[in-house]
Amino acid sequence: MRPSVGFVLYALAAIVVLTLTQWNGINAYVQIVIMFIGINIILSSSLNLINGYMGEFSCGHAGFMAVGAYIASILNVWLFASDQVFGPPLFPPSSALFLFPVTLLIGGIGAALAGLLVAVPSFRTRGDYLAIITLAVNYIVKSSIENIQAIGGARGFMGMRKVVKSMTEAIDLPWVMIWIFVSVGITVWLIRRFVNSTYGKGMVAIRDDEIAAEIMGVNTRRIKMIAFMLSSGLAGVAGGLFAHILGYINPGSFTILKSTEVMVMVYLGGMASLSGSVMSAVVFTLLLELLRPLQVLKWVVVPLMLIVLMLFRPEGIMGNRELSDVFPKLRRWFQAKEPTS
């Protein structure tokens, strides 16, 4: 399969950033901002799958992020680091270099299974009722973690920094940033392929008229289940990466405020627009950093700016269009493959 020009450009940009990072051409603060942009791209793109393409209203994405973050972190600390709770590591710490993507994937699978808590009720509910269910799931996950003292409870869980250090000692490379670049590329590619497949057309049919879609033979239950599990699983992968950037997580990082941030990025970029989700994740992350000197006041300024945006451009930056719709010449670079299933 011939790689697209867009993929090659993304790979070149990633190599340039990683090279600058390795040779200290980018300071630690900028590195963290770049990594948070990557995390936010995964989160906004995955939530857009549900809220944008399928027309459902999910507002508990932080709960699935928490599931992935805790599963990946616990596995990594248990397997590759010496810890007061788990004791000595089961595997040599250097083996984290090869097994880190496996634990990250297991975290994503755990989050995808948690997504069933939303997928099953979605068979019978829509709109505001489903939003309440997703909120409830977010609180269930957060409260459950807070009451599991073996993993720190409300105090939080740490030890991931040892795992990252063991990978760096094995081969001196910025491994967390590498896996964020890889995960962002896979996420965008996967969602783009999914929305252009038969399942993606089924999601659009559900958004337009679910009853008509069922009459026309669309298996709405199967499509909802796959979409919710895919969206939740990707959020779980983002959570696992987020935990290893900070080296520490606690349930307070995955509240409704975090879910709201992800929703803001989705609506800022535009519903059912993958390009919009990527752009809004970049803009929103940089905006928060630029307004950081305002401290608490930034949470007044940012919502005000969003209100102005919603008044004058309620469809968001891209509406329901992709970048190739605005600039048709880009289609030869980013042309989607024909539907495969």
C-alpha atoms as a PDB file:
ATOM      1  CA  MET A   1       0.000   0.000   0.000  1.00  0.00           C
ATOM      2  CA  ARG A   2       1.485   3.353  -1.045  1.00  0.00           C
ATOM      3  CA  PRO A   3       1.655   5.858   1.831  1.00  0.00           C
ATOM      4  CA  SER A   4      -0.132   9.168   1.246  1.00  0.00           C
ATOM      5  CA  VAL A   5       1.710  12.486   1.027  1.00  0.00           C
ATOM      6  CA  GLY A   6      -0.030  13.544   4.239  1.00  0.00           C
ATOM      7  CA  PHE A   7       1.390  10.532   6.079  1.00  0.00           C
ATOM      8  CA  VAL A   8       4.896  11.233   4.788  1.00  0.00           C
ATOM      9  CA  LEU A   9       4.670  14.917   5.827  1.00  0.00           C
ATOM     10  CA  TYR A  10       3.427  13.913   9.293  1.00  0.00           C
ATOM     11  CA  ALA A  11       6.258  11.396   9.673  1.00  0.00           C
ATOM     12  CA  LEU A  12       8.844  14.001   8.597  1.00  0.00           C
ATOM     13  CA  ALA A  13       7.426  16.575  11.037  1.00  0.00           C
ATOM     14  CA  ALA A  14       7.537  13.998  13.841  1.00  0.00           C
ATOM     15  CA  ILE A  15      11.156  13.096  13.023  1.00  0.00           C
ATOM     16  CA  VAL A  16      12.146  16.788  13.027  1.00  0.00           C
ATOM     17  CA  VAL A  17      10.509  17.395  16.426  1.00  0.00           C
ATOM     18  CA  LEU A  18      12.019  14.212  17.911  1.00  0.00           C
ATOM     19  CA  THR A  19      15.474  15.135  16.585  1.00  0.00           C
ATOM     20  CA  LEU A  20      15.232  18.637  18.058  1.00  0.00           C
ATOM     21  CA  THR A  21      14.084  17.107  21.361  1.00  0.00           C
ATOM     22  CA  GLN A  22      16.937  14.624  21.413  1.00  0.00           C
ATOM     23  CA  TRP A  23      19.543  17.345  20.725  1.00  0.00           C
ATOM     24  CA  ASN A  24      18.009  19.779  23.275  1.00  0.00           C
ATOM     25  CA  GLY A  25      16.739  22.077  20.520  1.00  0.00           C
ATOM     26  CA  ILE A  26      13.360  22.247  22.313  1.00  0.00           C
ATOM     27  CA  ASN A  27      13.113  22.985  26.010  1.00  0.00           C
ATOM     28  CA  ALA A  28      11.179  20.761  28.427  1.00  0.00           C
ATOM     29  CA  TYR A  29       8.155  23.093  28.604  1.00  0.00           C
ATOM     30  CA  VAL A  30       7.634  23.109  24.817  1.00  0.00           C
ATOM     31  CA  GLN A  31       8.036  19.320  24.770  1.00  0.00           C
ATOM     32  CA  ILE A  32       5.239  18.932  27.316  1.00  0.00           C
ATOM     33  CA  VAL A  33       2.982  21.298  25.346  1.00  0.00           C
ATOM     34  CA  ILE A  34       3.603  19.286  22.156  1.00  0.00           C
ATOM     35  CA  MET A  35       2.761  16.062  23.991  1.00  0.00           C
ATOM     36  CA  PHE A  36      -0.445  17.545  25.445  1.00  0.00           C
ATOM     37  CA  ILE A  37      -1.449  18.649  21.946  1.00  0.00           C
ATOM     38  CA  GLY A  38      -1.061  15.039  20.829  1.00  0.00           C
ATOM     39  CA  ILE A  39      -3.166  13.770  23.749  1.00  0.00           C
ATOM     40  CA  ASN A  40      -5.886  16.326  23.002  1.00  0.00           C
ATOM     41  CA  ILE A  41      -5.944  15.375  19.304  1.00  0.00           C
ATOM     42  CA  ILE A  42      -6.670  11.755  20.286  1.00  0.00           C
ATOM     43  CA  LEU A  43      -9.362  12.806  22.772  1.00  0.00           C
ATOM     44  CA  SER A  44     -11.171  15.311  20.541  1.00  0.00           C
ATOM     45  CA  SER A  45     -11.037  13.048  17.458  1.00  0.00           C
ATOM     46  CA  SER A  46     -12.357  10.047  19.373  1.00  0.00           C
ATOM     47  CA  LEU A  47     -15.219  11.980  21.002  1.00  0.00           C
ATOM     48  CA  ASN A  48     -16.158  13.512  17.638  1.00  0.00           C
ATOM     49  CA  LEU A  49     -16.844   9.960  16.476  1.00  0.00           C
ATOM     50  CA  ILE A  50     -19.796   9.807  18.899  1.00  0.00           C
ATOM     51  CA  ASN A  51     -20.956  13.419  19.213  1.00  0.00           C
ATOM     52  CA  GLY A  52     -20.259  14.492  15.636  1.00  0.00           C
ATOM     53  CA  TYR A  53     -20.520  11.569  13.234  1.00  0.00           C
ATOM     54  CA  MET A  54     -23.158   9.541  15.136  1.00  0.00           C
ATOM     55  CA  GLY A  55     -25.103  12.467  16.600  1.00  0.00           C
ATOM     56  CA  GLU A  56     -25.231  11.093  20.148  1.00  0.00           C
ATOM     57  CA  PHE A  57     -24.372  13.270  23.156  1.00  0.00           C
ATOM     58  CA  SER A  58     -21.604  11.785  25.288  1.00  0.00           C
ATOM     59  CA  CYS A  59     -20.035  13.957  27.994  1.00  0.00           C
ATOM     60  CA  GLY A  60     -18.115  11.470  30.145  1.00  0.00           C
ATOM     61  CA  HIS A  61     -14.991  10.921  28.067  1.00  0.00           C
ATOM     62  CA  ALA A  62     -12.682  11.579  31.039  1.00  0.00           C
ATOM     63  CA  GLY A  63     -14.015   8.400  32.706  1.00  0.00           C
ATOM     64  CA  PHE A  64     -12.732   6.203  29.861  1.00  0.00           C
ATOM     65  CA  MET A  65      -9.483   8.145  29.855  1.00  0.00           C
ATOM     66  CA  ALA A  66      -9.120   7.336  33.564  1.00  0.00           C
ATOM     67  CA  VAL A  67      -9.683   3.603  32.990  1.00  0.00           C
ATOM     68  CA  GLY A  68      -6.934   3.464  30.369  1.00  0.00           C
ATOM     69  CA  ALA A  69      -4.597   5.624  32.454  1.00  0.00           C
ATOM     70  CA  TYR A  70      -4.893   3.461  35.569  1.00  0.00           C
ATOM     71  CA  ILE A  71      -4.726   0.082  33.798  1.00  0.00           C
ATOM     72  CA  ALA A  72      -1.639   1.018  31.759  1.00  0.00           C
ATOM     73  CA  SER A  73       0.057   2.664  34.764  1.00  0.00           C
ATOM     74  CA  ILE A  74      -0.600  -0.222  37.160  1.00  0.00           C
ATOM     75  CA  LEU A  75       0.605  -2.798  34.644  1.00  0.00           C
ATOM     76  CA  ASN A  76       3.776  -0.856  33.877  1.00  0.00           C
ATOM     77  CA  VAL A  77       4.663  -0.239  37.532  1.00  0.00           C
ATOM     78  CA  TRP A  78       3.825  -3.841  38.500  1.00  0.00           C
ATOM     79  CA  LEU A  79       5.822  -5.368  35.638  1.00  0.00           C
ATOM     80  CA  PHE A  80       8.793  -3.033  35.240  1.00  0.00           C
ATOM     81  CA  ALA A  81       9.379  -0.997  38.430  1.00  0.00           C
ATOM     82  CA  SER A  82      10.072  -1.617  42.093  1.00  0.00           C
ATOM     83  CA  ASP A  83       7.095  -0.413  44.112  1.00  0.00           C
ATOM     84  CA  GLN A  84       5.945  -0.467  47.764  1.00  0.00           C
ATOM     85  CA  VAL A  85       2.634  -2.090  46.836  1.00  0.00           C
ATOM     86  CA  PHE A  86       3.717  -4.513  44.093  1.00  0.00           C
ATOM     87  CA  GLY A  87       7.268  -5.242  45.295  1.00  0.00           C
ATOM     88  CA  PRO A  88      10.130  -5.944  42.863  1.00  0.00           C
ATOM     89  CA  PRO A  89       9.397  -5.889  39.112  1.00  0.00           C
ATOM     90  CA  LEU A  90       8.311  -9.113  37.414  1.00  0.00           C
ATOM     91  CA  PHE A  91      10.339  -8.364  34.275  1.00  0.00           C
ATOM     92  CA  PRO A  92      13.671  -6.597  33.770  1.00  0.00           C
ATOM     93  CA  PRO A  93      12.968  -2.825  33.712  1.00  0.00           C
ATOM     94  CA  SER A  94      14.576  -2.517  30.280  1.00  0.00           C
ATOM     95  CA  SER A  95      11.886  -4.804  28.793  1.00  0.00           C
ATOM     96  CA  ALA A  96       9.444  -1.897  29.178  1.00  0.00           C
ATOM     97  CA  LEU A  97      11.043  -0.602  25.998  1.00  0.00           C
ATOM     98  CA  PHE A  98       9.299  -3.349  24.005  1.00  0.00           C
ATOM     99  CA  LEU A  99       6.240  -4.056  26.163  1.00  0.00           C
ATOM    100  CA  PHE A 100       5.100  -0.463  26.780  1.00  0.00           C
ATOM    101  CA  PRO A 101       2.874  -0.406  23.652  1.00  0.00           C
ATOM    102  CA  VAL A 102       1.324  -3.712  24.811  1.00  0.00           C
ATOM    103  CA  THR A 103       0.327  -2.323  28.219  1.00  0.00           C
ATOM    104  CA  LEU A 104      -0.906   0.847  26.518  1.00  0.00           C
ATOM    105  CA  LEU A 105      -3.078  -1.268  24.236  1.00  0.00           C
ATOM    106  CA  ILE A 106      -4.409  -3.287  27.203  1.00  0.00           C
ATOM    107  CA  GLY A 107      -5.387   0.017  28.846  1.00  0.00           C
ATOM    108  CA  GLY A 108      -7.233   0.947  25.668  1.00  0.00           C
ATOM    109  CA  ILE A 109      -9.029  -2.408  25.615  1.00  0.00           C
ATOM    110  CA  GLY A 110     -10.068  -1.941  29.255  1.00  0.00           C
ATOM    111  CA  ALA A 111     -11.480   1.480  28.416  1.00  0.00           C
ATOM    112  CA  ALA A 112     -13.282   0.014  25.388  1.00  0.00           C
ATOM    113  CA  LEU A 113     -14.956  -2.571  27.649  1.00  0.00           C
ATOM    114  CA  ALA A 114     -15.969   0.252  29.997  1.00  0.00           C
ATOM    115  CA  GLY A 115     -17.489   1.911  26.938  1.00  0.00           C
ATOM    116  CA  LEU A 116     -20.068  -0.891  26.943  1.00  0.00           C
ATOM    117  CA  LEU A 117     -21.552   0.792  30.042  1.00  0.00           C
ATOM    118  CA  VAL A 118     -22.583   3.578  27.679  1.00  0.00           C
ATOM    119  CA  ALA A 119     -23.129   1.564  24.499  1.00  0.00           C
ATOM    120  CA  VAL A 120     -25.823  -0.725  25.938  1.00  0.00           C
ATOM    121  CA  PRO A 121     -28.051   2.071  27.375  1.00  0.00           C
ATOM    122  CA  SER A 122     -27.626   3.969  24.092  1.00  0.00           C
ATOM    123  CA  PHE A 123     -29.798   1.290  22.420  1.00  0.00           C
ATOM    124  CA  ARG A 124     -32.837   2.739  24.186  1.00  0.00           C
ATOM    125  CA  THR A 125     -31.916   6.356  24.964  1.00  0.00           C
ATOM    126  CA  ARG A 126     -30.719   9.411  23.080  1.00  0.00           C
ATOM    127  CA  GLY A 127     -29.972  13.089  23.629  1.00  0.00           C
ATOM    128  CA  ASP A 128     -30.181  14.443  27.168  1.00  0.00           C
ATOM    129  CA  TYR A 129     -30.849  11.017  28.713  1.00  0.00           C
ATOM    130  CA  LEU A 130     -27.697   9.532  27.204  1.00  0.00           C
ATOM    131  CA  ALA A 131     -25.740  12.594  28.370  1.00  0.00           C
ATOM    132  CA  ILE A 132     -26.870  11.895  31.942  1.00  0.00           C
ATOM    133  CA  ILE A 133     -25.812   8.246  31.598  1.00  0.00           C
ATOM    134  CA  THR A 134     -22.331   9.224  30.389  1.00  0.00           C
ATOM    135  CA  LEU A 135     -22.020  11.659  33.274  1.00  0.00           C
ATOM    136  CA  ALA A 136     -23.003   8.867  35.651  1.00  0.00           C
ATOM    137  CA  VAL A 137     -20.361   6.565  34.157  1.00  0.00           C
ATOM    138  CA  ASN A 138     -17.743   9.302  34.608  1.00  0.00           C
ATOM    139  CA  TYR A 139     -18.685   9.570  38.303  1.00  0.00           C
ATOM    140  CA  ILE A 140     -18.810   5.767  38.742  1.00  0.00           C
ATOM    141  CA  VAL A 141     -15.262   5.416  37.407  1.00  0.00           C
ATOM    142  CA  LYS A 142     -13.917   8.338  39.438  1.00  0.00           C
ATOM    143  CA  SER A 143     -15.606   7.253  42.671  1.00  0.00           C
ATOM    144  CA  SER A 144     -14.502   3.629  42.219  1.00  0.00           C
ATOM    145  CA  ILE A 145     -10.866   4.660  41.814  1.00  0.00           C
ATOM    146  CA  GLU A 146     -11.078   6.980  44.827  1.00  0.00           C
ATOM    147  CA  ASN A 147     -12.154   4.043  46.996  1.00  0.00           C
ATOM    148  CA  ILE A 148      -9.503   1.534  45.875  1.00  0.00           C
ATOM    149  CA  GLN A 149      -6.802   2.202  48.444  1.00  0.00           C
ATOM    150  CA  ALA A 150      -4.405  -0.383  46.930  1.00  0.00           C
ATOM    151  CA  ILE A 151      -3.773   2.004  44.034  1.00  0.00           C
ATOM    152  CA  GLY A 152      -3.643   5.130  46.170  1.00  0.00           C
ATOM    153  CA  GLY A 153      -7.340   6.009  46.286  1.00  0.00           C
ATOM    154  CA  ALA A 154      -7.910   9.749  46.250  1.00  0.00           C
ATOM    155  CA  ARG A 155      -4.183  10.328  46.897  1.00  0.00           C
ATOM    156  CA  GLY A 156      -3.320   9.099  43.432  1.00  0.00           C
ATOM    157  CA  PHE A 157      -0.930   6.600  41.885  1.00  0.00           C
ATOM    158  CA  MET A 158       2.708   7.142  40.933  1.00  0.00           C
ATOM    159  CA  GLY A 159       5.741   5.210  39.759  1.00  0.00           C
ATOM    160  CA  MET A 160       5.358   5.696  35.996  1.00  0.00           C
ATOM    161  CA  ARG A 161       8.386   7.983  35.952  1.00  0.00           C
ATOM    162  CA  LYS A 162      10.546   4.959  36.897  1.00  0.00           C
ATOM    163  CA  VAL A 163       9.191   3.067  33.890  1.00  0.00           C
ATOM    164  CA  VAL A 164       9.950   5.960  31.529  1.00  0.00           C
ATOM    165  CA  LYS A 165      13.428   6.282  33.045  1.00  0.00           C
ATOM    166  CA  SER A 166      14.135   2.570  32.519  1.00  0.00           C
ATOM    167  CA  MET A 167      13.185   2.903  28.830  1.00  0.00           C
ATOM    168  CA  THR A 168      15.436   5.944  28.438  1.00  0.00           C
ATOM    169  CA  GLU A 169      18.331   4.164  30.160  1.00  0.00           C
ATOM    170  CA  ALA A 170      17.986   1.221  27.751  1.00  0.00           C
ATOM    171  CA  ILE A 171      18.043   3.486  24.672  1.00  0.00           C
ATOM    172  CA  ASP A 172      18.332   7.240  25.164  1.00  0.00           C
ATOM    173  CA  LEU A 173      15.325   8.492  23.192  1.00  0.00           C
ATOM    174  CA  PRO A 174      12.189  10.498  24.151  1.00  0.00           C
ATOM    175  CA  TRP A 175      10.009   7.382  24.264  1.00  0.00           C
ATOM    176  CA  VAL A 176       6.786   8.927  25.566  1.00  0.00           C
ATOM    177  CA  MET A 177       6.840  11.537  22.814  1.00  0.00           C
ATOM    178  CA  ILE A 178       7.583   8.829  20.227  1.00  0.00           C
ATOM    179  CA  TRP A 179       4.560   6.799  21.327  1.00  0.00           C
ATOM    180  CA  ILE A 180       2.383   9.909  21.342  1.00  0.00           C
ATOM    181  CA  PHE A 181       3.328  10.642  17.721  1.00  0.00           C
ATOM    182  CA  VAL A 182       2.651   7.010  16.788  1.00  0.00           C
ATOM    183  CA  SER A 183      -0.692   6.976  18.650  1.00  0.00           C
ATOM    184  CA  VAL A 184      -1.859  10.245  17.075  1.00  0.00           C
ATOM    185  CA  GLY A 185      -1.007   8.952  13.592  1.00  0.00           C
ATOM    186  CA  ILE A 186      -2.811   5.647  14.181  1.00  0.00           C
ATOM    187  CA  THR A 187      -5.837   7.402  15.729  1.00  0.00           C
ATOM    188  CA  VAL A 188      -6.332   9.820  12.830  1.00  0.00           C
ATOM    189  CA  TRP A 189      -5.770   7.063  10.264  1.00  0.00           C
ATOM    190  CA  LEU A 190      -8.135   4.668  12.070  1.00  0.00           C
ATOM    191  CA  ILE A 191     -10.955   7.193  12.508  1.00  0.00           C
ATOM    192  CA  ARG A 192     -10.618   8.371   8.903  1.00  0.00           C
ATOM    193  CA  ARG A 193     -10.851   4.808   7.627  1.00  0.00           C
ATOM    194  CA  PHE A 194     -13.759   4.037   9.975  1.00  0.00           C
ATOM    195  CA  VAL A 195     -15.899   7.039   8.993  1.00  0.00           C
ATOM    196  CA  ASN A 196     -15.318   6.274   5.305  1.00  0.00           C
ATOM    197  CA  SER A 197     -16.349   2.627   5.722  1.00  0.00           C
ATOM    198  CA  THR A 198     -19.833   1.120   5.717  1.00  0.00           C
ATOM    199  CA  TYR A 199     -19.914   1.521   9.501  1.00  0.00           C
ATOM    200  CA  GLY A 200     -19.208   5.238   9.093  1.00  0.00           C
ATOM    201  CA  LYS A 201     -22.099   5.573   6.652  1.00  0.00           C
ATOM    202  CA  GLY A 202     -24.248   3.729   9.170  1.00  0.00           C
ATOM    203  CA  MET A 203     -23.286   6.231  11.892  1.00  0.00           C
ATOM    204  CA  VAL A 204     -24.344   9.123   9.653  1.00  0.00           C
ATOM    205  CA  ALA A 205     -27.646   7.309   8.955  1.00  0.00           C
ATOM    206  CA  ILE A 206     -28.229   6.939  12.719  1.00  0.00           C
ATOM    207  CA  ARG A 207     -27.504  10.644  13.202  1.00  0.00           C
ATOM    208  CA  ASP A 208     -29.954  11.662  10.482  1.00  0.00           C
ATOM    209  CA  ASP A 209     -32.816   9.312  11.436  1.00  0.00           C
ATOM    210  CA  GLU A 210     -32.253   6.190  13.535  1.00  0.00           C
ATOM    211  CA  ILE A 211     -35.678   4.669  12.854  1.00  0.00           C
ATOM    212  CA  ALA A 212     -35.317   5.135   9.100  1.00  0.00           C
ATOM    213  CA  ALA A 213     -31.847   3.607   9.305  1.00  0.00           C
ATOM    214  CA  GLU A 214     -33.250   0.511  11.047  1.00  0.00           C
ATOM    215  CA  ILE A 215     -35.995   0.192   8.431  1.00  0.00           C
ATOM    216  CA  MET A 216     -33.362   0.342   5.693  1.00  0.00           C
ATOM    217  CA  GLY A 217     -31.549  -2.597   7.307  1.00  0.00           C
ATOM    218  CA  VAL A 218     -28.795  -0.783   9.201  1.00  0.00           C
ATOM    219  CA  ASN A 219     -27.746  -2.791  12.272  1.00  0.00           C
ATOM    220  CA  THR A 220     -27.846   0.224  14.597  1.00  0.00           C
ATOM    221  CA  ARG A 221     -26.973  -1.737  17.743  1.00  0.00           C
ATOM    222  CA  ARG A 222     -23.816  -3.201  16.272  1.00  0.00           C
ATOM    223  CA  ILE A 223     -22.704   0.163  14.875  1.00  0.00           C
ATOM    224  CA  LYS A 224     -23.348   1.951  18.167  1.00  0.00           C
ATOM    225  CA  MET A 225     -21.457  -0.688  20.126  1.00  0.00           C
ATOM    226  CA  ILE A 226     -18.434  -0.594  17.811  1.00  0.00           C
ATOM    227  CA  ALA A 227     -18.404   3.228  17.706  1.00  0.00           C
ATOM    228  CA  PHE A 228     -18.651   3.602  21.490  1.00  0.00           C
ATOM    229  CA  MET A 229     -15.980   0.948  22.107  1.00  0.00           C
ATOM    230  CA  LEU A 230     -13.625   2.468  19.520  1.00  0.00           C
ATOM    231  CA  SER A 231     -14.117   5.964  20.918  1.00  0.00           C
ATOM    232  CA  SER A 232     -13.648   4.798  24.532  1.00  0.00           C
ATOM    233  CA  GLY A 233     -10.648   2.649  23.658  1.00  0.00           C
ATOM    234  CA  LEU A 234      -8.839   5.553  22.010  1.00  0.00           C
ATOM    235  CA  ALA A 235      -9.611   7.730  25.050  1.00  0.00           C
ATOM    236  CA  GLY A 236      -8.056   4.985  27.202  1.00  0.00           C
ATOM    237  CA  VAL A 237      -4.874   5.033  25.103  1.00  0.00           C
ATOM    238  CA  ALA A 238      -4.760   8.826  25.512  1.00  0.00           C
ATOM    239  CA  GLY A 239      -5.140   8.322  29.272  1.00  0.00           C
ATOM    240  CA  GLY A 240      -2.228   5.867  29.390  1.00  0.00           C
ATOM    241  CA  LEU A 241       0.031   8.318  27.571  1.00  0.00           C
ATOM    242  CA  PHE A 242      -1.187  11.215  29.752  1.00  0.00           C
ATOM    243  CA  ALA A 243      -0.227   9.271  32.898  1.00  0.00           C
ATOM    244  CA  HIS A 244       3.310   8.663  31.651  1.00  0.00           C
ATOM    245  CA  ILE A 245       3.844  12.318  30.729  1.00  0.00           C
ATOM    246  CA  LEU A 246       3.066  13.404  34.287  1.00  0.00           C
ATOM    247  CA  GLY A 247       4.431  10.332  36.088  1.00  0.00           C
ATOM    248  CA  TYR A 248       1.541  10.704  38.535  1.00  0.00           C
ATOM    249  CA  ILE A 249      -2.245  10.513  38.298  1.00  0.00           C
ATOM    250  CA  ASN A 250      -5.132  10.943  40.689  1.00  0.00           C
ATOM    251  CA  PRO A 251      -8.919  10.738  40.240  1.00  0.00           C
ATOM    252  CA  GLY A 252      -9.120  14.547  40.319  1.00  0.00           C
ATOM    253  CA  SER A 253      -7.503  14.633  36.866  1.00  0.00           C
ATOM    254  CA  PHE A 254     -10.522  12.891  35.322  1.00  0.00           C
ATOM    255  CA  THR A 255     -13.509  14.913  36.504  1.00  0.00           C
ATOM    256  CA  ILE A 256     -16.363  16.400  34.525  1.00  0.00           C
ATOM    257  CA  LEU A 257     -14.105  19.440  33.942  1.00  0.00           C
ATOM    258  CA  LYS A 258     -11.789  17.286  31.831  1.00  0.00           C
ATOM    259  CA  SER A 259     -14.755  15.868  29.914  1.00  0.00           C
ATOM    260  CA  THR A 260     -15.954  19.433  29.324  1.00  0.00           C
ATOM    261  CA  GLU A 261     -12.553  20.417  27.909  1.00  0.00           C
ATOM    262  CA  VAL A 262     -12.787  17.585  25.377  1.00  0.00           C
ATOM    263  CA  MET A 263     -16.333  18.576  24.415  1.00  0.00           C
ATOM    264  CA  VAL A 264     -15.229  22.184  23.944  1.00  0.00           C
ATOM    265  CA  MET A 265     -12.528  21.025  21.528  1.00  0.00           C
ATOM    266  CA  VAL A 266     -15.073  18.968  19.567  1.00  0.00           C
ATOM    267  CA  TYR A 267     -17.564  21.843  19.218  1.00  0.00           C
ATOM    268  CA  LEU A 268     -14.793  24.393  18.596  1.00  0.00           C
ATOM    269  CA  GLY A 269     -13.426  22.353  15.686  1.00  0.00           C
ATOM    270  CA  GLY A 270     -16.786  21.431  14.216  1.00  0.00           C
ATOM    271  CA  MET A 271     -19.038  18.412  14.399  1.00  0.00           C
ATOM    272  CA  ALA A 272     -18.214  15.456  12.134  1.00  0.00           C
ATOM    273  CA  SER A 273     -14.938  17.026  11.059  1.00  0.00           C
ATOM    274  CA  LEU A 274     -11.715  15.150  11.753  1.00  0.00           C
ATOM    275  CA  SER A 275      -9.669  18.099  10.460  1.00  0.00           C
ATOM    276  CA  GLY A 276     -11.605  20.380  12.798  1.00  0.00           C
ATOM    277  CA  SER A 277     -10.889  18.149  15.795  1.00  0.00           C
ATOM    278  CA  VAL A 278      -7.158  18.191  15.072  1.00  0.00           C
ATOM    279  CA  MET A 279      -7.117  21.973  14.558  1.00  0.00           C
ATOM    280  CA  SER A 280      -9.202  22.705  17.647  1.00  0.00           C
ATOM    281  CA  ALA A 281      -6.976  20.479  19.821  1.00  0.00           C
ATOM    282  CA  VAL A 282      -3.939  22.482  18.699  1.00  0.00           C
ATOM    283  CA  VAL A 283      -5.679  25.875  19.100  1.00  0.00           C
ATOM    284  CA  PHE A 284      -7.278  25.061  22.454  1.00  0.00           C
ATOM    285  CA  THR A 285      -4.074  23.666  23.989  1.00  0.00           C
ATOM    286  CA  LEU A 286      -2.003  26.659  22.848  1.00  0.00           C
ATOM    287  CA  LEU A 287      -4.724  29.067  24.013  1.00  0.00           C
ATOM    288  CA  LEU A 288      -4.688  27.585  27.517  1.00  0.00           C
ATOM    289  CA  GLU A 289      -0.907  27.918  27.633  1.00  0.00           C
ATOM    290  CA  LEU A 290      -0.929  31.515  26.340  1.00  0.00           C
ATOM    291  CA  LEU A 291      -3.497  32.476  28.976  1.00  0.00           C
ATOM    292  CA  ARG A 292      -1.682  30.651  31.771  1.00  0.00           C
ATOM    293  CA  PRO A 293      -0.280  33.949  33.243  1.00  0.00           C
ATOM    294  CA  LEU A 294      -3.896  34.993  33.938  1.00  0.00           C
ATOM    295  CA  GLN A 295      -4.151  31.993  36.329  1.00  0.00           C
ATOM    296  CA  VAL A 296      -7.764  31.529  37.438  1.00  0.00           C
ATOM    297  CA  LEU A 297      -8.962  34.355  35.186  1.00  0.00           C
ATOM    298  CA  LYS A 298      -8.197  32.246  32.122  1.00  0.00           C
ATOM    299  CA  TRP A 299     -11.265  30.145  32.981  1.00  0.00           C
ATOM    300  CA  VAL A 300     -13.274  33.338  32.588  1.00  0.00           C
ATOM    301  CA  VAL A 301     -11.605  34.480  29.376  1.00  0.00           C
ATOM    302  CA  VAL A 302     -11.712  31.107  27.582  1.00  0.00           C
ATOM    303  CA  PRO A 303     -15.474  30.505  28.102  1.00  0.00           C
ATOM    304  CA  LEU A 304     -16.174  34.098  27.012  1.00  0.00           C
ATOM    305  CA  MET A 305     -14.220  33.530  23.807  1.00  0.00           C
ATOM    306  CA  LEU A 306     -16.168  30.331  23.228  1.00  0.00           C
ATOM    307  CA  ILE A 307     -19.464  32.184  23.740  1.00  0.00           C
ATOM    308  CA  VAL A 308     -18.415  34.741  21.122  1.00  0.00           C
ATOM    309  CA  LEU A 309     -17.433  31.926  18.751  1.00  0.00           C
ATOM    310  CA  MET A 310     -20.769  30.169  19.237  1.00  0.00           C
ATOM    311  CA  LEU A 311     -22.647  33.415  18.563  1.00  0.00           C
ATOM    312  CA  PHE A 312     -20.854  34.233  15.330  1.00  0.00           C
ATOM    313  CA  ARG A 313     -19.830  30.751  14.126  1.00  0.00           C
ATOM    314  CA  PRO A 314     -21.955  28.123  15.910  1.00  0.00           C
ATOM    315  CA  GLU A 315     -20.821  25.380  13.537  1.00  0.00           C
ATOM    316  CA  GLY A 316     -17.227  25.716  14.824  1.00  0.00           C
ATOM    317  CA  ILE A 317     -14.050  26.302  12.860  1.00  0.00           C
ATOM    318  CA  MET A 318     -14.701  23.703  10.136  1.00  0.00           C
ATOM    319  CA  GLY A 319     -18.439  23.025  10.412  1.00  0.00           C
ATOM    320  CA  ASN A 320     -19.007  19.505   9.097  1.00  0.00           C
ATOM    321  CA  ARG A 321     -16.351  19.900   6.424  1.00  0.00           C
ATOM    322  CA  GLU A 322     -12.830  18.544   6.143  1.00  0.00           C
ATOM    323  CA  LEU A 323      -9.763  20.560   5.216  1.00  0.00           C
ATOM    324  CA  SER A 324      -9.817  18.982   1.750  1.00  0.00           C
ATOM    325  CA  ASP A 325     -13.360  20.367   1.235  1.00  0.00           C
ATOM    326  CA  VAL A 326     -12.120  23.918   1.878  1.00  0.00           C
ATOM    327  CA  PHE A 327      -8.951  23.446  -0.182  1.00  0.00           C
ATOM    328  CA  PRO A 328      -9.866  20.890  -2.909  1.00  0.00           C
ATOM    329  CA  LYS A 329      -6.280  20.684  -4.166  1.00  0.00           C
ATOM    330  CA  LEU A 330      -5.377  18.900  -0.915  1.00  0.00           C
ATOM    331  CA  ARG A 331      -7.534  15.924  -1.908  1.00  0.00           C
ATOM    332  CA  ARG A 332      -4.770  14.373  -3.952  1.00  0.00           C
ATOM    333  CA  TRP A 333      -2.633  14.410  -0.779  1.00  0.00           C
ATOM    334  CA  PHE A 334      -5.245  13.235   1.683  1.00  0.00           C
ATOM    335  CA  GLN A 335      -7.645  11.307  -0.568  1.00  0.00           C
ATOM    336  CA  ALA A 336      -9.412   8.602   1.436  1.00  0.00           C
ATOM    337  CA  LYS A 337      -9.335   5.015   0.270  1.00  0.00           C
ATOM    338  CA  GLU A 338     -12.461   3.409  -1.082  1.00  0.00           C
ATOM    339  CA  PRO A 339     -14.755   1.860   1.550  1.00  0.00           C
ATOM    340  CA  THR A 340     -13.519  -1.593   2.497  1.00  0.00           C
ATOM    341  CA  SER A 341     -16.484  -3.071   4.328  1.00  0.00           C
END
